[in-house]
């Protein structure tokens, strides 16, 4: 290992500090978007738990075929995507999701499944 004297290390640090002051980071020209990485871990964990509870509600109701239904949860807001066999299945999925504790709203993006050739 190469030994560096304390005074040489201080000169390097002072040089870096002066460089940072002379060239401050540029401000973003557009507002930055929040990413999933900036979401607190507790919130992501809560969102995953809520999503699992919605899926469990679907699994516990034998009147619904939720195999092609996707669930996204964010801060209590649930979005349902995918397809269902008919409009009644969609209505049932929305009602089940709304009944899960912790769900504050449900956005329905479900469509009726179409068979090929129809």
PDB file of N, CA and C in Angstrom:
ATOM      1  N   UNK A   1       0.825  -1.174   0.000  1.00  0.00           N
ATOM      2  CA  UNK A   1       0.000   0.000   0.000  1.00  0.00           C
ATOM      3  C   UNK A   1       0.868   1.235   0.000  1.00  0.00           C
ATOM      4  N   UNK A   2       0.418   2.246  -0.691  1.00  0.00           N
ATOM      5  CA  UNK A   2       1.132   3.497  -0.776  1.00  0.00           C
ATOM      6  C   UNK A   2       0.707   4.391   0.371  1.00  0.00           C
ATOM      7  N   UNK A   3       1.659   4.998   1.049  1.00  0.00           N
ATOM      8  CA  UNK A   3       1.355   5.887   2.159  1.00  0.00           C
ATOM      9  C   UNK A   3       1.199   7.300   1.633  1.00  0.00           C
ATOM     10  N   UNK A   4       0.159   7.966   2.102  1.00  0.00           N
ATOM     11  CA  UNK A   4      -0.084   9.355   1.728  1.00  0.00           C
ATOM     12  C   UNK A   4      -0.001  10.169   3.002  1.00  0.00           C
ATOM     13  N   UNK A   5       0.694  11.264   2.912  1.00  0.00           N
ATOM     14  CA  UNK A   5       0.804  12.100   4.098  1.00  0.00           C
ATOM     15  C   UNK A   5      -0.518  12.801   4.350  1.00  0.00           C
ATOM     16  N   UNK A   6      -0.723  13.205   5.595  1.00  0.00           N
ATOM     17  CA  UNK A   6      -1.957  13.880   5.978  1.00  0.00           C
ATOM     18  C   UNK A   6      -2.103  15.173   5.208  1.00  0.00           C
ATOM     19  N   UNK A   7      -1.028  15.897   5.000  1.00  0.00           N
ATOM     20  CA  UNK A   7      -1.120  17.172   4.280  1.00  0.00           C
ATOM     21  C   UNK A   7      -1.509  16.941   2.820  1.00  0.00           C
ATOM     22  N   UNK A   8      -1.033  15.869   2.192  1.00  0.00           N
ATOM     23  CA  UNK A   8      -1.403  15.567   0.812  1.00  0.00           C
ATOM     24  C   UNK A   8      -2.879  15.219   0.730  1.00  0.00           C
ATOM     25  N   UNK A   9      -3.399  14.496   1.730  1.00  0.00           N
ATOM     26  CA  UNK A   9      -4.813  14.142   1.746  1.00  0.00           C
ATOM     27  C   UNK A   9      -5.671  15.382   1.910  1.00  0.00           C
ATOM     28  N   UNK A  10      -5.231  16.312   2.741  1.00  0.00           N
ATOM     29  CA  UNK A  10      -5.987  17.563   2.934  1.00  0.00           C
ATOM     30  C   UNK A  10      -6.007  18.390   1.667  1.00  0.00           C
ATOM     31  N   UNK A  11      -4.906  18.395   0.931  1.00  0.00           N
ATOM     32  CA  UNK A  11      -4.848  19.150  -0.327  1.00  0.00           C
ATOM     33  C   UNK A  11      -5.832  18.551  -1.326  1.00  0.00           C
ATOM     34  N   UNK A  12      -5.889  17.218  -1.408  1.00  0.00           N
ATOM     35  CA  UNK A  12      -6.816  16.544  -2.318  1.00  0.00           C
ATOM     36  C   UNK A  12      -8.255  16.882  -1.944  1.00  0.00           C
ATOM     37  N   UNK A  13      -8.578  16.804  -0.661  1.00  0.00           N
ATOM     38  CA  UNK A  13      -9.931  17.126  -0.210  1.00  0.00           C
ATOM     39  C   UNK A  13     -10.289  18.571  -0.480  1.00  0.00           C
ATOM     40  N   UNK A  14      -9.375  19.487  -0.230  1.00  0.00           N
ATOM     41  CA  UNK A  14      -9.625  20.907  -0.480  1.00  0.00           C
ATOM     42  C   UNK A  14      -9.840  21.146  -1.968  1.00  0.00           C
ATOM     43  N   UNK A  15      -9.065  20.442  -2.787  1.00  0.00           N
ATOM     44  CA  UNK A  15      -9.208  20.573  -4.237  1.00  0.00           C
ATOM     45  C   UNK A  15     -10.575  20.069  -4.697  1.00  0.00           C
ATOM     46  N   UNK A  16     -11.024  18.958  -4.125  1.00  0.00           N
ATOM     47  CA  UNK A  16     -12.338  18.410  -4.487  1.00  0.00           C
ATOM     48  C   UNK A  16     -13.450  19.355  -4.053  1.00  0.00           C
ATOM     49  N   UNK A  17     -13.316  19.939  -2.877  1.00  0.00           N
ATOM     50  CA  UNK A  17     -14.323  20.865  -2.364  1.00  0.00           C
ATOM     51  C   UNK A  17     -14.406  22.108  -3.244  1.00  0.00           C
ATOM     52  N   UNK A  18     -13.256  22.640  -3.646  1.00  0.00           N
ATOM     53  CA  UNK A  18     -13.233  23.826  -4.501  1.00  0.00           C
ATOM     54  C   UNK A  18     -13.848  23.514  -5.855  1.00  0.00           C
ATOM     55  N   UNK A  19     -13.574  22.325  -6.361  1.00  0.00           N
ATOM     56  CA  UNK A  19     -14.132  21.916  -7.645  1.00  0.00           C
ATOM     57  C   UNK A  19     -15.650  21.804  -7.571  1.00  0.00           C
ATOM     58  N   UNK A  20     -16.166  21.270  -6.481  1.00  0.00           N
ATOM     59  CA  UNK A  20     -17.613  21.121  -6.317  1.00  0.00           C
ATOM     60  C   UNK A  20     -18.286  22.473  -6.207  1.00  0.00           C
ATOM     61  N   UNK A  21     -17.617  23.440  -5.548  1.00  0.00           N
ATOM     62  CA  UNK A  21     -18.204  24.778  -5.427  1.00  0.00           C
ATOM     63  C   UNK A  21     -18.189  25.502  -6.760  1.00  0.00           C
ATOM     64  N   UNK A  22     -17.140  25.287  -7.565  1.00  0.00           N
ATOM     65  CA  UNK A  22     -17.032  25.952  -8.853  1.00  0.00           C
ATOM     66  C   UNK A  22     -17.992  25.363  -9.876  1.00  0.00           C
ATOM     67  N   UNK A  23     -18.311  24.081  -9.730  1.00  0.00           N
ATOM     68  CA  UNK A  23     -19.194  23.384 -10.673  1.00  0.00           C
ATOM     69  C   UNK A  23     -20.350  22.735  -9.923  1.00  0.00           C
ATOM     70  N   UNK A  24     -21.313  23.536  -9.420  1.00  0.00           N
ATOM     71  CA  UNK A  24     -22.427  22.924  -8.681  1.00  0.00           C
ATOM     72  C   UNK A  24     -23.273  22.070  -9.610  1.00  0.00           C
ATOM     73  N   UNK A  25     -23.964  21.071  -9.073  1.00  0.00           N
ATOM     74  CA  UNK A  25     -24.818  20.221  -9.910  1.00  0.00           C
ATOM     75  C   UNK A  25     -25.892  21.078 -10.574  1.00  0.00           C
ATOM     76  N   UNK A  26     -26.184  20.751 -11.823  1.00  0.00           N
ATOM     77  CA  UNK A  26     -27.196  21.509 -12.569  1.00  0.00           C
ATOM     78  C   UNK A  26     -28.579  21.152 -12.067  1.00  0.00           C
ATOM     79  N   UNK A  27     -29.440  22.157 -11.980  1.00  0.00           N
ATOM     80  CA  UNK A  27     -30.824  21.925 -11.589  1.00  0.00           C
ATOM     81  C   UNK A  27     -31.558  21.275 -12.746  1.00  0.00           C
ATOM     82  N   UNK A  28     -32.467  20.409 -12.448  1.00  0.00           N
ATOM     83  CA  UNK A  28     -33.258  19.752 -13.491  1.00  0.00           C
ATOM     84  C   UNK A  28     -34.160  20.764 -14.159  1.00  0.00           C
ATOM     85  N   UNK A  29     -34.273  20.674 -15.468  1.00  0.00           N
ATOM     86  CA  UNK A  29     -35.117  21.622 -16.189  1.00  0.00           C
ATOM     87  C   UNK A  29     -36.589  21.234 -16.119  1.00  0.00           C
ATOM     88  N   UNK A  30     -36.855  19.974 -15.880  1.00  0.00           N
ATOM     89  CA  UNK A  30     -38.238  19.518 -15.762  1.00  0.00           C
ATOM     90  C   UNK A  30     -38.413  18.882 -14.390  1.00  0.00           C
ATOM     91  N   UNK A  31     -39.619  18.920 -13.869  1.00  0.00           N
ATOM     92  CA  UNK A  31     -39.828  18.284 -12.572  1.00  0.00           C
ATOM     93  C   UNK A  31     -39.504  16.800 -12.645  1.00  0.00           C
ATOM     94  N   UNK A  32     -38.855  16.317 -11.621  1.00  0.00           N
ATOM     95  CA  UNK A  32     -38.499  14.901 -11.638  1.00  0.00           C
ATOM     96  C   UNK A  32     -39.687  14.063 -11.195  1.00  0.00           C
ATOM     97  N   UNK A  33     -39.761  12.873 -11.735  1.00  0.00           N
ATOM     98  CA  UNK A  33     -40.837  11.951 -11.404  1.00  0.00           C
ATOM     99  C   UNK A  33     -40.361  11.069 -10.268  1.00  0.00           C
ATOM    100  N   UNK A  34     -41.237  10.788  -9.321  1.00  0.00           N
ATOM    101  CA  UNK A  34     -40.897   9.876  -8.235  1.00  0.00           C
ATOM    102  C   UNK A  34     -40.820   8.463  -8.799  1.00  0.00           C
ATOM    103  N   UNK A  35     -39.823   7.742  -8.386  1.00  0.00           N
ATOM    104  CA  UNK A  35     -39.670   6.372  -8.876  1.00  0.00           C
ATOM    105  C   UNK A  35     -39.995   5.389  -7.769  1.00  0.00           C
ATOM    106  N   UNK A  36     -40.077   4.144  -8.141  1.00  0.00           N
ATOM    107  CA  UNK A  36     -40.354   3.110  -7.152  1.00  0.00           C
ATOM    108  C   UNK A  36     -39.231   3.046  -6.130  1.00  0.00           C
ATOM    109  N   UNK A  37     -38.010   3.410  -6.554  1.00  0.00           N
ATOM    110  CA  UNK A  37     -36.883   3.377  -5.636  1.00  0.00           C
ATOM    111  C   UNK A  37     -37.017   4.437  -4.546  1.00  0.00           C
ATOM    112  N   UNK A  38     -37.747   5.522  -4.825  1.00  0.00           N
ATOM    113  CA  UNK A  38     -37.893   6.576  -3.829  1.00  0.00           C
ATOM    114  C   UNK A  38     -39.058   6.320  -2.880  1.00  0.00           C
ATOM    115  N   UNK A  39     -39.826   5.291  -3.134  1.00  0.00           N
ATOM    116  CA  UNK A  39     -40.939   4.943  -2.260  1.00  0.00           C
ATOM    117  C   UNK A  39     -40.393   4.277  -1.007  1.00  0.00           C
ATOM    118  N   UNK A  40     -40.839   4.712   0.173  1.00  0.00           N
ATOM    119  CA  UNK A  40     -40.347   4.066   1.389  1.00  0.00           C
ATOM    120  C   UNK A  40     -40.630   2.569   1.389  1.00  0.00           C
ATOM    121  N   UNK A  41     -39.712   1.819   1.957  1.00  0.00           N
ATOM    122  CA  UNK A  41     -39.836   0.353   1.964  1.00  0.00           C
ATOM    123  C   UNK A  41     -41.111  -0.087   2.658  1.00  0.00           C
ATOM    124  N   UNK A  42     -41.497   0.597   3.725  1.00  0.00           N
ATOM    125  CA  UNK A  42     -42.718   0.241   4.431  1.00  0.00           C
ATOM    126  C   UNK A  42     -43.933   0.352   3.542  1.00  0.00           C
ATOM    127  N   UNK A  43     -43.962   1.367   2.698  1.00  0.00           N
ATOM    128  CA  UNK A  43     -45.094   1.551   1.798  1.00  0.00           C
ATOM    129  C   UNK A  43     -45.144   0.440   0.759  1.00  0.00           C
ATOM    130  N   UNK A  44     -44.014   0.086   0.194  1.00  0.00           N
ATOM    131  CA  UNK A  44     -43.989  -1.010  -0.793  1.00  0.00           C
ATOM    132  C   UNK A  44     -44.450  -2.306  -0.141  1.00  0.00           C
ATOM    133  N   UNK A  45     -44.009  -2.524   1.095  1.00  0.00           N
ATOM    134  CA  UNK A  45     -44.401  -3.731   1.813  1.00  0.00           C
ATOM    135  C   UNK A  45     -45.907  -3.723   2.065  1.00  0.00           C
ATOM    136  N   UNK A  46     -46.448  -2.578   2.455  1.00  0.00           N
ATOM    137  CA  UNK A  46     -47.892  -2.451   2.673  1.00  0.00           C
ATOM    138  C   UNK A  46     -48.660  -2.675   1.378  1.00  0.00           C
ATOM    139  N   UNK A  47     -48.144  -2.136   0.270  1.00  0.00           N
ATOM    140  CA  UNK A  47     -48.807  -2.298  -1.029  1.00  0.00           C
ATOM    141  C   UNK A  47     -48.834  -3.778  -1.432  1.00  0.00           C
ATOM    142  N   UNK A  48     -47.722  -4.473  -1.228  1.00  0.00           N
ATOM    143  CA  UNK A  48     -47.671  -5.913  -1.554  1.00  0.00           C
ATOM    144  C   UNK A  48     -48.656  -6.691  -0.696  1.00  0.00           C
ATOM    145  N   UNK A  49     -48.734  -6.340   0.585  1.00  0.00           N
ATOM    146  CA  UNK A  49     -49.650  -7.042   1.495  1.00  0.00           C
ATOM    147  C   UNK A  49     -51.099  -6.798   1.082  1.00  0.00           C
ATOM    148  N   UNK A  50     -51.432  -5.571   0.699  1.00  0.00           N
ATOM    149  CA  UNK A  50     -52.797  -5.263   0.260  1.00  0.00           C
ATOM    150  C   UNK A  50     -53.120  -6.028  -1.017  1.00  0.00           C
ATOM    151  N   UNK A  51     -52.184  -6.062  -1.927  1.00  0.00           N
ATOM    152  CA  UNK A  51     -52.377  -6.797  -3.182  1.00  0.00           C
ATOM    153  C   UNK A  51     -52.667  -8.274  -2.897  1.00  0.00           C
ATOM    154  N   UNK A  52     -51.916  -8.861  -1.973  1.00  0.00           N
ATOM    155  CA  UNK A  52     -52.125 -10.263  -1.616  1.00  0.00           C
ATOM    156  C   UNK A  52     -53.499 -10.475  -0.986  1.00  0.00           C
ATOM    157  N   UNK A  53     -53.956  -9.513  -0.177  1.00  0.00           N
ATOM    158  CA  UNK A  53     -55.282  -9.639   0.443  1.00  0.00           C
ATOM    159  C   UNK A  53     -56.389  -9.577  -0.604  1.00  0.00           C
ATOM    160  N   UNK A  54     -56.204  -8.759  -1.635  1.00  0.00           N
ATOM    161  CA  UNK A  54     -57.208  -8.698  -2.712  1.00  0.00           C
ATOM    162  C   UNK A  54     -57.225 -10.026  -3.467  1.00  0.00           C
ATOM    163  N   UNK A  55     -56.047 -10.552  -3.800  1.00  0.00           N
ATOM    164  CA  UNK A  55     -55.992 -11.857  -4.470  1.00  0.00           C
ATOM    165  C   UNK A  55     -56.630 -12.940  -3.602  1.00  0.00           C
ATOM    166  N   UNK A  56     -56.410 -12.887  -2.294  1.00  0.00           N
ATOM    167  CA  UNK A  56     -56.997 -13.874  -1.379  1.00  0.00           C
ATOM    168  C   UNK A  56     -58.516 -13.766  -1.386  1.00  0.00           C
ATOM    169  N   UNK A  57     -59.044 -12.543  -1.456  1.00  0.00           N
ATOM    170  CA  UNK A  57     -60.501 -12.356  -1.514  1.00  0.00           C
ATOM    171  C   UNK A  57     -61.057 -12.990  -2.788  1.00  0.00           C
ATOM    172  N   UNK A  58     -60.340 -12.846  -3.896  1.00  0.00           N
ATOM    173  CA  UNK A  58     -60.767 -13.473  -5.148  1.00  0.00           C
ATOM    174  C   UNK A  58     -60.739 -14.997  -5.008  1.00  0.00           C
ATOM    175  N   UNK A  59     -59.682 -15.521  -4.413  1.00  0.00           N
ATOM    176  CA  UNK A  59     -59.531 -16.973  -4.284  1.00  0.00           C
ATOM    177  C   UNK A  59     -60.585 -17.578  -3.361  1.00  0.00           C
ATOM    178  N   UNK A  60     -61.024 -16.823  -2.367  1.00  0.00           N
ATOM    179  CA  UNK A  60     -62.004 -17.333  -1.399  1.00  0.00           C
ATOM    180  C   UNK A  60     -63.431 -17.319  -1.926  1.00  0.00           C
ATOM    181  N   UNK A  61     -63.688 -16.619  -3.016  1.00  0.00           N
ATOM    182  CA  UNK A  61     -65.035 -16.556  -3.587  1.00  0.00           C
ATOM    183  C   UNK A  61     -65.078 -17.463  -4.813  1.00  0.00           C
ATOM    184  N   UNK A  62     -65.778 -18.570  -4.692  1.00  0.00           N
ATOM    185  CA  UNK A  62     -65.814 -19.567  -5.773  1.00  0.00           C
ATOM    186  C   UNK A  62     -66.645 -19.121  -6.973  1.00  0.00           C
ATOM    187  N   UNK A  63     -67.367 -18.005  -6.836  1.00  0.00           N
ATOM    188  CA  UNK A  63     -68.195 -17.529  -7.953  1.00  0.00           C
ATOM    189  C   UNK A  63     -67.405 -16.711  -8.965  1.00  0.00           C
ATOM    190  N   UNK A  64     -66.143 -16.502  -8.694  1.00  0.00           N
ATOM    191  CA  UNK A  64     -65.350 -15.664  -9.593  1.00  0.00           C
ATOM    192  C   UNK A  64     -64.136 -16.436 -10.105  1.00  0.00           C
ATOM    193  N   UNK A  65     -63.855 -16.252 -11.398  1.00  0.00           N
ATOM    194  CA  UNK A  65     -62.660 -16.825 -12.017  1.00  0.00           C
ATOM    195  C   UNK A  65     -61.697 -15.661 -12.224  1.00  0.00           C
ATOM    196  N   UNK A  66     -60.737 -15.514 -11.310  1.00  0.00           N
ATOM    197  CA  UNK A  66     -59.837 -14.359 -11.340  1.00  0.00           C
ATOM    198  C   UNK A  66     -58.475 -14.699 -11.917  1.00  0.00           C
ATOM    199  N   UNK A  67     -58.394 -15.793 -12.665  1.00  0.00           N
ATOM    200  CA  UNK A  67     -57.113 -16.226 -13.212  1.00  0.00           C
ATOM    201  C   UNK A  67     -56.447 -15.234 -14.131  1.00  0.00           C
ATOM    202  N   UNK A  68     -57.220 -14.402 -14.801  1.00  0.00           N
ATOM    203  CA  UNK A  68     -56.651 -13.433 -15.738  1.00  0.00           C
ATOM    204  C   UNK A  68     -56.783 -12.000 -15.232  1.00  0.00           C
ATOM    205  N   UNK A  69     -56.948 -11.830 -13.919  1.00  0.00           N
ATOM    206  CA  UNK A  69     -57.092 -10.498 -13.339  1.00  0.00           C
ATOM    207  C   UNK A  69     -55.806 -10.134 -12.612  1.00  0.00           C
ATOM    208  N   UNK A  70     -55.274  -8.972 -12.964  1.00  0.00           N
ATOM    209  CA  UNK A  70     -54.083  -8.450 -12.295  1.00  0.00           C
ATOM    210  C   UNK A  70     -54.491  -7.404 -11.273  1.00  0.00           C
ATOM    211  N   UNK A  71     -53.749  -7.332 -10.186  1.00  0.00           N
ATOM    212  CA  UNK A  71     -54.034  -6.382  -9.116  1.00  0.00           C
ATOM    213  C   UNK A  71     -52.788  -5.554  -8.852  1.00  0.00           C
ATOM    214  N   UNK A  72     -52.950  -4.236  -8.863  1.00  0.00           N
ATOM    215  CA  UNK A  72     -51.877  -3.324  -8.499  1.00  0.00           C
ATOM    216  C   UNK A  72     -52.386  -2.488  -7.339  1.00  0.00           C
ATOM    217  N   UNK A  73     -51.574  -2.323  -6.299  1.00  0.00           N
ATOM    218  CA  UNK A  73     -51.979  -1.540  -5.133  1.00  0.00           C
ATOM    219  C   UNK A  73     -50.926  -0.489  -4.849  1.00  0.00           C
ATOM    220  N   UNK A  74     -51.386   0.723  -4.555  1.00  0.00           N
ATOM    221  CA  UNK A  74     -50.483   1.812  -4.202  1.00  0.00           C
ATOM    222  C   UNK A  74     -51.184   2.731  -3.227  1.00  0.00           C
ATOM    223  N   UNK A  75     -50.704   2.745  -2.008  1.00  0.00           N
ATOM    224  CA  UNK A  75     -51.256   3.601  -0.945  1.00  0.00           C
ATOM    225  C   UNK A  75     -52.753   3.404  -0.762  1.00  0.00           C
ATOM    226  N   UNK A  76     -53.229   2.184  -0.858  1.00  0.00           N
ATOM    227  CA  UNK A  76     -54.639   1.877  -0.661  1.00  0.00           C
ATOM    228  C   UNK A  76     -55.473   1.915  -1.927  1.00  0.00           C
ATOM    229  N   UNK A  77     -54.948   2.498  -2.989  1.00  0.00           N
ATOM    230  CA  UNK A  77     -55.658   2.553  -4.273  1.00  0.00           C
ATOM    231  C   UNK A  77     -55.335   1.288  -5.061  1.00  0.00           C
ATOM    232  N   UNK A  78     -56.364   0.563  -5.450  1.00  0.00           N
ATOM    233  CA  UNK A  78     -56.206  -0.704  -6.166  1.00  0.00           C
ATOM    234  C   UNK A  78     -56.663  -0.526  -7.601  1.00  0.00           C
ATOM    235  N   UNK A  79     -55.871  -1.048  -8.534  1.00  0.00           N
ATOM    236  CA  UNK A  79     -56.232  -1.051  -9.951  1.00  0.00           C
ATOM    237  C   UNK A  79     -56.329  -2.492 -10.414  1.00  0.00           C
ATOM    238  N   UNK A  80     -57.460  -2.825 -11.020  1.00  0.00           N
ATOM    239  CA  UNK A  80     -57.681  -4.170 -11.556  1.00  0.00           C
ATOM    240  C   UNK A  80     -57.487  -4.121 -13.066  1.00  0.00           C
ATOM    241  N   UNK A  81     -56.680  -5.025 -13.600  1.00  0.00           N
ATOM    242  CA  UNK A  81     -56.430  -5.091 -15.039  1.00  0.00           C
ATOM    243  C   UNK A  81     -56.620  -6.520 -15.513  1.00  0.00           C
ATOM    244  N   UNK A  82     -56.774  -6.674 -16.820  1.00  0.00           N
ATOM    245  CA  UNK A  82     -56.894  -8.010 -17.403  1.00  0.00           C
ATOM    246  C   UNK A  82     -58.282  -8.269 -17.930  1.00  0.00           C
ATOM    247  N   UNK A  83     -58.659  -9.541 -17.934  1.00  0.00           N
ATOM    248  CA  UNK A  83     -59.941  -9.937 -18.505  1.00  0.00           C
ATOM    249  C   UNK A  83     -60.711 -10.838 -17.550  1.00  0.00           C
ATOM    250  N   UNK A  84     -62.023 -10.845 -17.740  1.00  0.00           N
ATOM    251  CA  UNK A  84     -62.922 -11.727 -16.996  1.00  0.00           C
ATOM    252  C   UNK A  84     -63.905 -12.333 -17.989  1.00  0.00           C
ATOM    253  N   UNK A  85     -64.564 -13.407 -17.575  1.00  0.00           N
ATOM    254  CA  UNK A  85     -65.454 -14.147 -18.473  1.00  0.00           C
ATOM    255  C   UNK A  85     -66.643 -13.314 -18.950  1.00  0.00           C
ATOM    256  N   UNK A  86     -67.195 -12.482 -18.070  1.00  0.00           N
ATOM    257  CA  UNK A  86     -68.350 -11.661 -18.451  1.00  0.00           C
ATOM    258  C   UNK A  86     -68.436 -10.441 -17.527  1.00  0.00           C
ATOM    259  N   UNK A  87     -69.396  -9.573 -17.813  1.00  0.00           N
ATOM    260  CA  UNK A  87     -69.549  -8.336 -17.049  1.00  0.00           C
ATOM    261  C   UNK A  87     -69.873  -8.604 -15.581  1.00  0.00           C
ATOM    262  N   UNK A  88     -70.613  -9.673 -15.303  1.00  0.00           N
ATOM    263  CA  UNK A  88     -70.950 -10.005 -13.919  1.00  0.00           C
ATOM    264  C   UNK A  88     -69.687 -10.349 -13.122  1.00  0.00           C
ATOM    265  N   UNK A  89     -68.736 -11.037 -13.757  1.00  0.00           N
ATOM    266  CA  UNK A  89     -67.468 -11.357 -13.107  1.00  0.00           C
ATOM    267  C   UNK A  89     -66.681 -10.075 -12.783  1.00  0.00           C
ATOM    268  N   UNK A  90     -66.726  -9.139 -13.706  1.00  0.00           N
ATOM    269  CA  UNK A  90     -66.039  -7.864 -13.491  1.00  0.00           C
ATOM    270  C   UNK A  90     -66.657  -7.139 -12.300  1.00  0.00           C
ATOM    271  N   UNK A  91     -67.972  -7.062 -12.275  1.00  0.00           N
ATOM    272  CA  UNK A  91     -68.666  -6.402 -11.167  1.00  0.00           C
ATOM    273  C   UNK A  91     -68.338  -7.075  -9.829  1.00  0.00           C
ATOM    274  N   UNK A  92     -68.281  -8.394  -9.831  1.00  0.00           N
ATOM    275  CA  UNK A  92     -67.986  -9.141  -8.614  1.00  0.00           C
ATOM    276  C   UNK A  92     -66.547  -8.875  -8.159  1.00  0.00           C
ATOM    277  N   UNK A  93     -65.608  -8.828  -9.104  1.00  0.00           N
ATOM    278  CA  UNK A  93     -64.207  -8.568  -8.768  1.00  0.00           C
ATOM    279  C   UNK A  93     -64.045  -7.181  -8.145  1.00  0.00           C
ATOM    280  N   UNK A  94     -64.722  -6.195  -8.711  1.00  0.00           N
ATOM    281  CA  UNK A  94     -64.659  -4.830  -8.176  1.00  0.00           C
ATOM    282  C   UNK A  94     -65.247  -4.795  -6.768  1.00  0.00           C
ATOM    283  N   UNK A  95     -66.386  -5.445  -6.573  1.00  0.00           N
ATOM    284  CA  UNK A  95     -67.037  -5.466  -5.263  1.00  0.00           C
ATOM    285  C   UNK A  95     -66.155  -6.159  -4.221  1.00  0.00           C
ATOM    286  N   UNK A  96     -65.540  -7.272  -4.603  1.00  0.00           N
ATOM    287  CA  UNK A  96     -64.651  -7.978  -3.677  1.00  0.00           C
ATOM    288  C   UNK A  96     -63.463  -7.106  -3.291  1.00  0.00           C
ATOM    289  N   UNK A  97     -62.858  -6.458  -4.282  1.00  0.00           N
ATOM    290  CA  UNK A  97     -61.700  -5.607  -4.010  1.00  0.00           C
ATOM    291  C   UNK A  97     -62.078  -4.455  -3.077  1.00  0.00           C
ATOM    292  N   UNK A  98     -63.242  -3.846  -3.299  1.00  0.00           N
ATOM    293  CA  UNK A  98     -63.687  -2.741  -2.443  1.00  0.00           C
ATOM    294  C   UNK A  98     -63.921  -3.195  -1.010  1.00  0.00           C
ATOM    295  N   UNK A  99     -64.239  -4.465  -0.817  1.00  0.00           N
ATOM    296  CA  UNK A  99     -64.517  -4.990   0.513  1.00  0.00           C
ATOM    297  C   UNK A  99     -63.289  -5.389   1.314  1.00  0.00           C
ATOM    298  N   UNK A 100     -62.110  -5.311   0.721  1.00  0.00           N
ATOM    299  CA  UNK A 100     -60.889  -5.698   1.414  1.00  0.00           C
ATOM    300  C   UNK A 100     -60.443  -4.554   2.328  1.00  0.00           C
ATOM    301  N   UNK A 101     -60.194  -4.847   3.604  1.00  0.00           N
ATOM    302  CA  UNK A 101     -59.729  -3.799   4.518  1.00  0.00           C
ATOM    303  C   UNK A 101     -58.426  -3.168   4.021  1.00  0.00           C
ATOM    304  N   UNK A 102     -58.383  -1.844   4.020  1.00  0.00           N
ATOM    305  CA  UNK A 102     -57.207  -1.116   3.555  1.00  0.00           C
ATOM    306  C   UNK A 102     -57.355  -0.548   2.163  1.00  0.00           C
ATOM    307  N   UNK A 103     -58.347  -1.034   1.411  1.00  0.00           N
ATOM    308  CA  UNK A 103     -58.581  -0.512   0.062  1.00  0.00           C
ATOM    309  C   UNK A 103     -59.354   0.801   0.180  1.00  0.00           C
ATOM    310  N   UNK A 104     -58.779   1.860  -0.384  1.00  0.00           N
ATOM    311  CA  UNK A 104     -59.436   3.170  -0.341  1.00  0.00           C
ATOM    312  C   UNK A 104     -60.188   3.483  -1.625  1.00  0.00           C
ATOM    313  N   UNK A 105     -59.736   2.910  -2.743  1.00  0.00           N
ATOM    314  CA  UNK A 105     -60.427   3.104  -4.019  1.00  0.00           C
ATOM    315  C   UNK A 105     -60.078   1.959  -4.952  1.00  0.00           C
ATOM    316  N   UNK A 106     -60.956   1.735  -5.939  1.00  0.00           N
ATOM    317  CA  UNK A 106     -60.721   0.684  -6.933  1.00  0.00           C
ATOM    318  C   UNK A 106     -60.910   1.287  -8.318  1.00  0.00           C
ATOM    319  N   UNK A 107     -59.890   1.152  -9.158  1.00  0.00           N
ATOM    320  CA  UNK A 107     -59.971   1.555 -10.555  1.00  0.00           C
ATOM    321  C   UNK A 107     -60.135   0.288 -11.376  1.00  0.00           C
ATOM    322  N   UNK A 108     -61.212   0.235 -12.143  1.00  0.00           N
ATOM    323  CA  UNK A 108     -61.542  -0.949 -12.925  1.00  0.00           C
ATOM    324  C   UNK A 108     -61.068  -0.774 -14.364  1.00  0.00           C
ATOM    325  N   UNK A 109     -60.054  -1.539 -14.758  1.00  0.00           N
ATOM    326  CA  UNK A 109     -59.577  -1.555 -16.141  1.00  0.00           C
ATOM    327  C   UNK A 109     -59.774  -2.946 -16.752  1.00  0.00           C
ATOM    328  N   UNK A 110     -60.734  -3.670 -16.213  1.00  0.00           N
ATOM    329  CA  UNK A 110     -61.019  -5.021 -16.695  1.00  0.00           C
ATOM    330  C   UNK A 110     -61.860  -4.966 -17.962  1.00  0.00           C
ATOM    331  N   UNK A 111     -61.668  -5.945 -18.816  1.00  0.00           N
ATOM    332  CA  UNK A 111     -62.490  -6.084 -20.018  1.00  0.00           C
ATOM    333  C   UNK A 111     -63.031  -7.508 -20.079  1.00  0.00           C
ATOM    334  N   UNK A 112     -64.098  -7.668 -20.840  1.00  0.00           N
ATOM    335  CA  UNK A 112     -64.683  -9.001 -21.016  1.00  0.00           C
ATOM    336  C   UNK A 112     -63.811  -9.776 -21.981  1.00  0.00           C
ATOM    337  N   UNK A 113     -63.480 -11.007 -21.610  1.00  0.00           N
ATOM    338  CA  UNK A 113     -62.638 -11.873 -22.423  1.00  0.00           C
ATOM    339  C   UNK A 113     -63.388 -12.248 -23.690  1.00  0.00           C
ATOM    340  N   UNK A 114     -62.713 -12.143 -24.802  1.00  0.00           N
ATOM    341  CA  UNK A 114     -63.312 -12.515 -26.083  1.00  0.00           C
ATOM    342  C   UNK A 114     -62.662 -13.805 -26.560  1.00  0.00           C
ATOM    343  N   UNK A 115     -63.471 -14.711 -26.991  1.00  0.00           N
ATOM    344  CA  UNK A 115     -62.951 -15.948 -27.561  1.00  0.00           C
ATOM    345  C   UNK A 115     -62.521 -15.701 -28.977  1.00  0.00           C
ATOM    346  N   UNK A 116     -61.511 -16.423 -29.416  1.00  0.00           N
ATOM    347  CA  UNK A 116     -61.040 -16.259 -30.785  1.00  0.00           C
ATOM    348  C   UNK A 116     -62.137 -16.612 -31.776  1.00  0.00           C
ATOM    349  N   UNK A 117     -62.243 -15.811 -32.827  1.00  0.00           N
ATOM    350  CA  UNK A 117     -63.241 -16.073 -33.856  1.00  0.00           C
ATOM    351  C   UNK A 117     -64.592 -15.429 -33.587  1.00  0.00           C
ATOM    352  N   UNK A 118     -64.700 -14.689 -32.524  1.00  0.00           N
ATOM    353  CA  UNK A 118     -65.993 -14.046 -32.230  1.00  0.00           C
ATOM    354  C   UNK A 118     -65.893 -12.567 -32.331  1.00  0.00           C
TER     355      UNK A 118
END
